[in-house]
PDB file of all heavy atoms in Angstrom:
ATOM      1  N   ALA A   1      32.580  11.707 -16.781  1.00  0.00           N
ATOM      2  CA  ALA A   1      32.462  12.615 -17.927  1.00  0.00           C
ATOM      3  C   ALA A   1      31.547  13.794 -17.598  1.00  0.00           C
ATOM      4  O   ALA A   1      31.838  14.938 -17.979  1.00  0.00           O
ATOM      5  CB  ALA A   1      31.940  11.857 -19.149  1.00  0.00           C
ATOM      6  N   SER A   2      30.460  13.536 -16.882  1.00  0.00           N
ATOM      7  CA  SER A   2      29.538  14.621 -16.498  1.00  0.00           C
ATOM      8  C   SER A   2      30.217  15.619 -15.567  1.00  0.00           C
ATOM      9  O   SER A   2      30.050  16.837 -15.722  1.00  0.00           O
ATOM     10  CB  SER A   2      28.294  14.048 -15.815  1.00  0.00           C
ATOM     11  OG  SER A   2      27.526  13.300 -16.717  1.00  0.00           O
ATOM     12  N   LEU A   3      30.973  15.115 -14.602  1.00  0.00           N
ATOM     13  CA  LEU A   3      31.690  16.019 -13.690  1.00  0.00           C
ATOM     14  C   LEU A   3      32.744  16.829 -14.431  1.00  0.00           C
ATOM     15  O   LEU A   3      32.908  18.026 -14.169  1.00  0.00           O
ATOM     16  CB  LEU A   3      32.348  15.237 -12.559  1.00  0.00           C
ATOM     17  CG  LEU A   3      31.460  14.911 -11.379  1.00  0.00           C
ATOM     18  CD1 LEU A   3      32.225  14.099 -10.346  1.00  0.00           C
ATOM     19  CD2 LEU A   3      30.899  16.174 -10.741  1.00  0.00           C
ATOM     20  N   LEU A   4      33.435  16.199 -15.357  1.00  0.00           N
ATOM     21  CA  LEU A   4      34.445  16.909 -16.135  1.00  0.00           C
ATOM     22  C   LEU A   4      33.796  18.006 -16.984  1.00  0.00           C
ATOM     23  O   LEU A   4      34.308  19.124 -17.054  1.00  0.00           O
ATOM     24  CB  LEU A   4      35.225  15.939 -17.020  1.00  0.00           C
ATOM     25  CG  LEU A   4      36.339  16.561 -17.857  1.00  0.00           C
ATOM     26  CD1 LEU A   4      37.389  17.231 -16.963  1.00  0.00           C
ATOM     27  CD2 LEU A   4      36.989  15.511 -18.741  1.00  0.00           C
ATOM     28  N   ARG A   5      32.640  17.696 -17.595  1.00  0.00           N
ATOM     29  CA  ARG A   5      31.919  18.714 -18.379  1.00  0.00           C
ATOM     30  C   ARG A   5      31.501  19.880 -17.498  1.00  0.00           C
ATOM     31  O   ARG A   5      31.604  21.047 -17.893  1.00  0.00           O
ATOM     32  CB  ARG A   5      30.689  18.105 -19.056  1.00  0.00           C
ATOM     33  CG  ARG A   5      30.956  17.473 -20.390  1.00  0.00           C
ATOM     34  CD  ARG A   5      29.688  17.197 -21.179  1.00  0.00           C
ATOM     35  NE  ARG A   5      28.611  16.595 -20.409  1.00  0.00           N
ATOM     36  CZ  ARG A   5      28.493  15.298 -20.183  1.00  0.00           C
ATOM     37  NH1 ARG A   5      29.383  14.455 -20.650  1.00  0.00           N
ATOM     38  NH2 ARG A   5      27.476  14.838 -19.482  1.00  0.00           N
ATOM     39  N   CYS A   6      31.029  19.582 -16.296  1.00  0.00           N
ATOM     40  CA  CYS A   6      30.619  20.630 -15.353  1.00  0.00           C
ATOM     41  C   CYS A   6      31.818  21.508 -14.989  1.00  0.00           C
ATOM     42  O   CYS A   6      31.733  22.741 -15.009  1.00  0.00           O
ATOM     43  CB  CYS A   6      30.002  19.998 -14.109  1.00  0.00           C
ATOM     44  SG  CYS A   6      29.388  21.199 -12.912  1.00  0.00           S
ATOM     45  N   LYS A   7      32.920  20.876 -14.674  1.00  0.00           N
ATOM     46  CA  LYS A   7      34.136  21.610 -14.299  1.00  0.00           C
ATOM     47  C   LYS A   7      34.620  22.488 -15.446  1.00  0.00           C
ATOM     48  O   LYS A   7      34.958  23.660 -15.250  1.00  0.00           O
ATOM     49  CB  LYS A   7      35.222  20.609 -13.898  1.00  0.00           C
ATOM     50  CG  LYS A   7      36.510  21.242 -13.452  1.00  0.00           C
ATOM     51  CD  LYS A   7      37.515  20.173 -13.049  1.00  0.00           C
ATOM     52  CE  LYS A   7      38.811  20.791 -12.588  1.00  0.00           C
ATOM     53  NZ  LYS A   7      39.772  19.761 -12.162  1.00  0.00           N
ATOM     54  N   GLU A   8      34.629  21.932 -16.644  1.00  0.00           N
ATOM     55  CA  GLU A   8      35.074  22.698 -17.816  1.00  0.00           C
ATOM     56  C   GLU A   8      34.118  23.853 -18.109  1.00  0.00           C
ATOM     57  O   GLU A   8      34.551  24.940 -18.481  1.00  0.00           O
ATOM     58  CB  GLU A   8      35.204  21.783 -19.039  1.00  0.00           C
ATOM     59  CG  GLU A   8      36.384  20.844 -18.958  1.00  0.00           C
ATOM     60  CD  GLU A   8      37.705  21.589 -18.859  1.00  0.00           C
ATOM     61  OE1 GLU A   8      37.942  22.522 -19.649  1.00  0.00           O
ATOM     62  OE2 GLU A   8      38.507  21.254 -17.962  1.00  0.00           O
ATOM     63  N   TRP A   9      32.820  23.609 -17.936  1.00  0.00           N
ATOM     64  CA  TRP A   9      31.851  24.683 -18.164  1.00  0.00           C
ATOM     65  C   TRP A   9      32.091  25.816 -17.166  1.00  0.00           C
ATOM     66  O   TRP A   9      32.085  26.988 -17.534  1.00  0.00           O
ATOM     67  CB  TRP A   9      30.421  24.150 -18.033  1.00  0.00           C
ATOM     68  CG  TRP A   9      29.418  25.235 -18.252  1.00  0.00           C
ATOM     69  CD1 TRP A   9      28.929  25.670 -19.451  1.00  0.00           C
ATOM     70  CD2 TRP A   9      28.833  26.070 -17.244  1.00  0.00           C
ATOM     71  NE1 TRP A   9      28.069  26.723 -19.235  1.00  0.00           N
ATOM     72  CE2 TRP A   9      27.992  26.979 -17.899  1.00  0.00           C
ATOM     73  CE3 TRP A   9      28.942  26.127 -15.869  1.00  0.00           C
ATOM     74  CZ2 TRP A   9      27.249  27.927 -17.220  1.00  0.00           C
ATOM     75  CZ3 TRP A   9      28.214  27.074 -15.183  1.00  0.00           C
ATOM     76  CH2 TRP A   9      27.370  27.968 -15.854  1.00  0.00           C
ATOM     77  N   MET A  10      32.338  25.472 -15.902  1.00  0.00           N
ATOM     78  CA  MET A  10      32.618  26.490 -14.887  1.00  0.00           C
ATOM     79  C   MET A  10      33.870  27.281 -15.253  1.00  0.00           C
ATOM     80  O   MET A  10      33.896  28.498 -15.120  1.00  0.00           O
ATOM     81  CB  MET A  10      32.786  25.854 -13.508  1.00  0.00           C
ATOM     82  CG  MET A  10      31.514  25.400 -12.876  1.00  0.00           C
ATOM     83  SD  MET A  10      31.849  24.784 -11.208  1.00  0.00           S
ATOM     84  CE  MET A  10      30.271  24.104 -10.788  1.00  0.00           C
ATOM     85  N   ARG A  11      34.892  26.590 -15.699  1.00  0.00           N
ATOM     86  CA  ARG A  11      36.141  27.259 -16.071  1.00  0.00           C
ATOM     87  C   ARG A  11      35.920  28.227 -17.239  1.00  0.00           C
ATOM     88  O   ARG A  11      36.375  29.364 -17.205  1.00  0.00           O
ATOM     89  CB  ARG A  11      37.207  26.225 -16.443  1.00  0.00           C
ATOM     90  CG  ARG A  11      38.583  26.828 -16.714  1.00  0.00           C
ATOM     91  CD  ARG A  11      39.589  25.807 -17.209  1.00  0.00           C
ATOM     92  NE  ARG A  11      39.190  25.148 -18.445  1.00  0.00           N
ATOM     93  CZ  ARG A  11      39.255  25.708 -19.661  1.00  0.00           C
ATOM     94  NH1 ARG A  11      39.685  26.929 -19.804  1.00  0.00           N
ATOM     95  NH2 ARG A  11      38.879  25.027 -20.722  1.00  0.00           N
ATOM     96  N   ARG A  12      35.192  27.773 -18.256  1.00  0.00           N
ATOM     97  CA  ARG A  12      34.962  28.610 -19.441  1.00  0.00           C
ATOM     98  C   ARG A  12      34.035  29.793 -19.149  1.00  0.00           C
ATOM     99  O   ARG A  12      34.077  30.803 -19.842  1.00  0.00           O
ATOM    100  CB  ARG A  12      34.367  27.779 -20.578  1.00  0.00           C
ATOM    101  CG  ARG A  12      35.350  26.864 -21.263  1.00  0.00           C
ATOM    102  CD  ARG A  12      34.784  26.261 -22.541  1.00  0.00           C
ATOM    103  NE  ARG A  12      33.416  25.794 -22.422  1.00  0.00           N
ATOM    104  CZ  ARG A  12      33.044  24.591 -22.010  1.00  0.00           C
ATOM    105  NH1 ARG A  12      33.948  23.710 -21.655  1.00  0.00           N
ATOM    106  NH2 ARG A  12      31.769  24.263 -21.948  1.00  0.00           N
ATOM    107  N   ASN A  13      33.175  29.669 -18.158  1.00  0.00           N
ATOM    108  CA  ASN A  13      32.177  30.701 -17.878  1.00  0.00           C
ATOM    109  C   ASN A  13      32.422  31.432 -16.566  1.00  0.00           C
ATOM    110  O   ASN A  13      31.514  32.034 -16.012  1.00  0.00           O
ATOM    111  CB  ASN A  13      30.783  30.058 -17.863  1.00  0.00           C
ATOM    112  CG  ASN A  13      30.369  29.615 -19.234  1.00  0.00           C
ATOM    113  OD1 ASN A  13      29.900  30.404 -20.037  1.00  0.00           O
ATOM    114  ND2 ASN A  13      30.579  28.344 -19.527  1.00  0.00           N
ATOM    115  N   ARG A  14      33.650  31.414 -16.091  1.00  0.00           N
ATOM    116  CA  ARG A  14      33.936  32.012 -14.789  1.00  0.00           C
ATOM    117  C   ARG A  14      33.739  33.520 -14.766  1.00  0.00           C
ATOM    118  O   ARG A  14      33.609  34.105 -13.707  1.00  0.00           O
ATOM    119  CB  ARG A  14      35.333  31.637 -14.337  1.00  0.00           C
ATOM    120  CG  ARG A  14      36.431  32.134 -15.230  1.00  0.00           C
ATOM    121  CD  ARG A  14      37.793  31.690 -14.723  1.00  0.00           C
ATOM    122  NE  ARG A  14      38.789  31.883 -15.761  1.00  0.00           N
ATOM    123  CZ  ARG A  14      39.666  30.985 -16.124  1.00  0.00           C
ATOM    124  NH1 ARG A  14      39.695  29.829 -15.531  1.00  0.00           N
ATOM    125  NH2 ARG A  14      40.527  31.238 -17.061  1.00  0.00           N
ATOM    126  N   ASN A  15      33.702  34.152 -15.932  1.00  0.00           N
ATOM    127  CA  ASN A  15      33.519  35.607 -15.969  1.00  0.00           C
ATOM    128  C   ASN A  15      32.064  36.024 -16.155  1.00  0.00           C
ATOM    129  O   ASN A  15      31.763  37.205 -16.197  1.00  0.00           O
ATOM    130  CB  ASN A  15      34.384  36.211 -17.082  1.00  0.00           C
ATOM    131  CG  ASN A  15      35.856  36.029 -16.793  1.00  0.00           C
ATOM    132  OD1 ASN A  15      36.279  36.102 -15.639  1.00  0.00           O
ATOM    133  ND2 ASN A  15      36.635  35.756 -17.819  1.00  0.00           N
ATOM    134  N   VAL A  16      31.173  35.054 -16.249  1.00  0.00           N
ATOM    135  CA  VAL A  16      29.742  35.358 -16.352  1.00  0.00           C
ATOM    136  C   VAL A  16      29.285  35.886 -14.996  1.00  0.00           C
ATOM    137  O   VAL A  16      29.727  35.384 -13.956  1.00  0.00           O
ATOM    138  CB  VAL A  16      28.959  34.077 -16.737  1.00  0.00           C
ATOM    139  CG1 VAL A  16      27.464  34.292 -16.647  1.00  0.00           C
ATOM    140  CG2 VAL A  16      29.363  33.603 -18.128  1.00  0.00           C
ATOM    141  N   PRO A  17      28.416  36.890 -14.968  1.00  0.00           N
ATOM    142  CA  PRO A  17      27.916  37.381 -13.678  1.00  0.00           C
ATOM    143  C   PRO A  17      27.348  36.230 -12.840  1.00  0.00           C
ATOM    144  O   PRO A  17      26.696  35.324 -13.364  1.00  0.00           O
ATOM    145  CB  PRO A  17      26.820  38.371 -14.067  1.00  0.00           C
ATOM    146  CG  PRO A  17      27.209  38.832 -15.442  1.00  0.00           C
ATOM    147  CD  PRO A  17      27.865  37.640 -16.095  1.00  0.00           C
ATOM    148  N   THR A  18      27.596  36.290 -11.555  1.00  0.00           N
ATOM    149  CA  THR A  18      27.278  35.171 -10.670  1.00  0.00           C
ATOM    150  C   THR A  18      25.816  34.762 -10.731  1.00  0.00           C
ATOM    151  O   THR A  18      25.506  33.570 -10.767  1.00  0.00           O
ATOM    152  CB  THR A  18      27.675  35.518  -9.220  1.00  0.00           C
ATOM    153  OG1 THR A  18      29.069  35.849  -9.202  1.00  0.00           O
ATOM    154  CG2 THR A  18      27.430  34.348  -8.290  1.00  0.00           C
ATOM    155  N   LYS A  19      24.910  35.717 -10.764  1.00  0.00           N
ATOM    156  CA  LYS A  19      23.482  35.390 -10.792  1.00  0.00           C
ATOM    157  C   LYS A  19      23.135  34.564 -12.034  1.00  0.00           C
ATOM    158  O   LYS A  19      22.437  33.552 -11.956  1.00  0.00           O
ATOM    159  CB  LYS A  19      22.649  36.672 -10.734  1.00  0.00           C
ATOM    160  CG  LYS A  19      21.187  36.442 -10.542  1.00  0.00           C
ATOM    161  CD  LYS A  19      20.455  37.758 -10.319  1.00  0.00           C
ATOM    162  CE  LYS A  19      18.993  37.498 -10.057  1.00  0.00           C
ATOM    163  NZ  LYS A  19      18.261  38.720  -9.762  1.00  0.00           N
ATOM    164  N   GLN A  20      23.638  35.002 -13.171  1.00  0.00           N
ATOM    165  CA  GLN A  20      23.386  34.290 -14.422  1.00  0.00           C
ATOM    166  C   GLN A  20      24.097  32.925 -14.401  1.00  0.00           C
ATOM    167  O   GLN A  20      23.538  31.907 -14.819  1.00  0.00           O
ATOM    168  CB  GLN A  20      23.878  35.123 -15.604  1.00  0.00           C
ATOM    169  CG  GLN A  20      23.649  34.475 -16.947  1.00  0.00           C
ATOM    170  CD  GLN A  20      24.222  35.314 -18.089  1.00  0.00           C
ATOM    171  OE1 GLN A  20      24.714  36.418 -17.890  1.00  0.00           O
ATOM    172  NE2 GLN A  20      24.153  34.766 -19.286  1.00  0.00           N
ATOM    173  N   PHE A  21      25.298  32.915 -13.890  1.00  0.00           N
ATOM    174  CA  PHE A  21      26.086  31.680 -13.775  1.00  0.00           C
ATOM    175  C   PHE A  21      25.316  30.635 -12.957  1.00  0.00           C
ATOM    176  O   PHE A  21      25.200  29.470 -13.346  1.00  0.00           O
ATOM    177  CB  PHE A  21      27.429  32.007 -13.109  1.00  0.00           C
ATOM    178  CG  PHE A  21      28.340  30.836 -12.931  1.00  0.00           C
ATOM    179  CD1 PHE A  21      29.272  30.515 -13.910  1.00  0.00           C
ATOM    180  CD2 PHE A  21      28.288  30.060 -11.790  1.00  0.00           C
ATOM    181  CE1 PHE A  21      30.130  29.431 -13.748  1.00  0.00           C
ATOM    182  CE2 PHE A  21      29.136  28.986 -11.619  1.00  0.00           C
ATOM    183  CZ  PHE A  21      30.060  28.672 -12.600  1.00  0.00           C
ATOM    184  N   MET A  22      24.792  31.070 -11.808  1.00  0.00           N
ATOM    185  CA  MET A  22      24.069  30.158 -10.920  1.00  0.00           C
ATOM    186  C   MET A  22      22.790  29.625 -11.571  1.00  0.00           C
ATOM    187  O   MET A  22      22.443  28.453 -11.414  1.00  0.00           O
ATOM    188  CB  MET A  22      23.737  30.851  -9.598  1.00  0.00           C
ATOM    189  CG  MET A  22      24.955  31.250  -8.791  1.00  0.00           C
ATOM    190  SD  MET A  22      25.942  29.842  -8.278  1.00  0.00           S
ATOM    191  CE  MET A  22      24.970  29.288  -6.904  1.00  0.00           C
ATOM    192  N   LYS A  23      22.108  30.471 -12.320  1.00  0.00           N
ATOM    193  CA  LYS A  23      20.874  30.055 -12.992  1.00  0.00           C
ATOM    194  C   LYS A  23      21.166  28.968 -14.022  1.00  0.00           C
ATOM    195  O   LYS A  23      20.464  27.959 -14.097  1.00  0.00           O
ATOM    196  CB  LYS A  23      20.215  31.271 -13.656  1.00  0.00           C
ATOM    197  CG  LYS A  23      18.895  30.977 -14.298  1.00  0.00           C
ATOM    198  CD  LYS A  23      18.273  32.238 -14.870  1.00  0.00           C
ATOM    199  CE  LYS A  23      16.945  31.913 -15.522  1.00  0.00           C
ATOM    200  NZ  LYS A  23      16.301  33.100 -16.073  1.00  0.00           N
ATOM    201  N   ILE A  24      22.206  29.160 -14.800  1.00  0.00           N
ATOM    202  CA  ILE A  24      22.577  28.170 -15.821  1.00  0.00           C
ATOM    203  C   ILE A  24      23.059  26.883 -15.165  1.00  0.00           C
ATOM    204  O   ILE A  24      22.688  25.779 -15.581  1.00  0.00           O
ATOM    205  CB  ILE A  24      23.648  28.752 -16.778  1.00  0.00           C
ATOM    206  CG1 ILE A  24      23.081  29.941 -17.540  1.00  0.00           C
ATOM    207  CG2 ILE A  24      24.147  27.683 -17.742  1.00  0.00           C
ATOM    208  CD1 ILE A  24      24.133  30.749 -18.295  1.00  0.00           C
TER     209      ILE A  24
END
Protein backbone atom coordinates (compact mmCIF):
# COMPACT_ATOMS: atom_id res chain seq x y z
CA ALA A 1 0.00 0.00 0.00
CA SER A 2 2.86 2.41 0.79
CA LEU A 3 4.54 1.73 -2.56
CA LEU A 4 1.25 2.19 -4.38
CA ARG A 5 0.67 5.53 -2.59
CA CYS A 6 4.19 6.64 -3.56
CA LYS A 7 3.63 5.65 -7.19
CA GLU A 8 0.26 7.40 -7.33
CA TRP A 9 1.70 10.52 -5.71
CA MET A 10 4.47 10.60 -8.33
CA ARG A 11 1.92 10.21 -11.12
CA ARG A 12 -0.32 12.99 -9.77
CA ASN A 13 2.61 15.37 -9.18
CA ARG A 14 4.70 14.68 -12.27
CA ASN A 15 4.34 18.30 -13.42
CA VAL A 16 5.69 19.77 -10.19
CA PRO A 17 9.15 21.31 -10.68
CA THR A 18 11.79 18.68 -10.03
CA LYS A 19 13.45 20.47 -7.11
CA GLN A 20 10.16 20.83 -5.26
CA PHE A 21 9.14 17.29 -6.25
CA MET A 22 12.36 15.85 -4.81
CA LYS A 23 11.99 17.79 -1.55
CA ILE A 24 8.47 16.47 -0.98
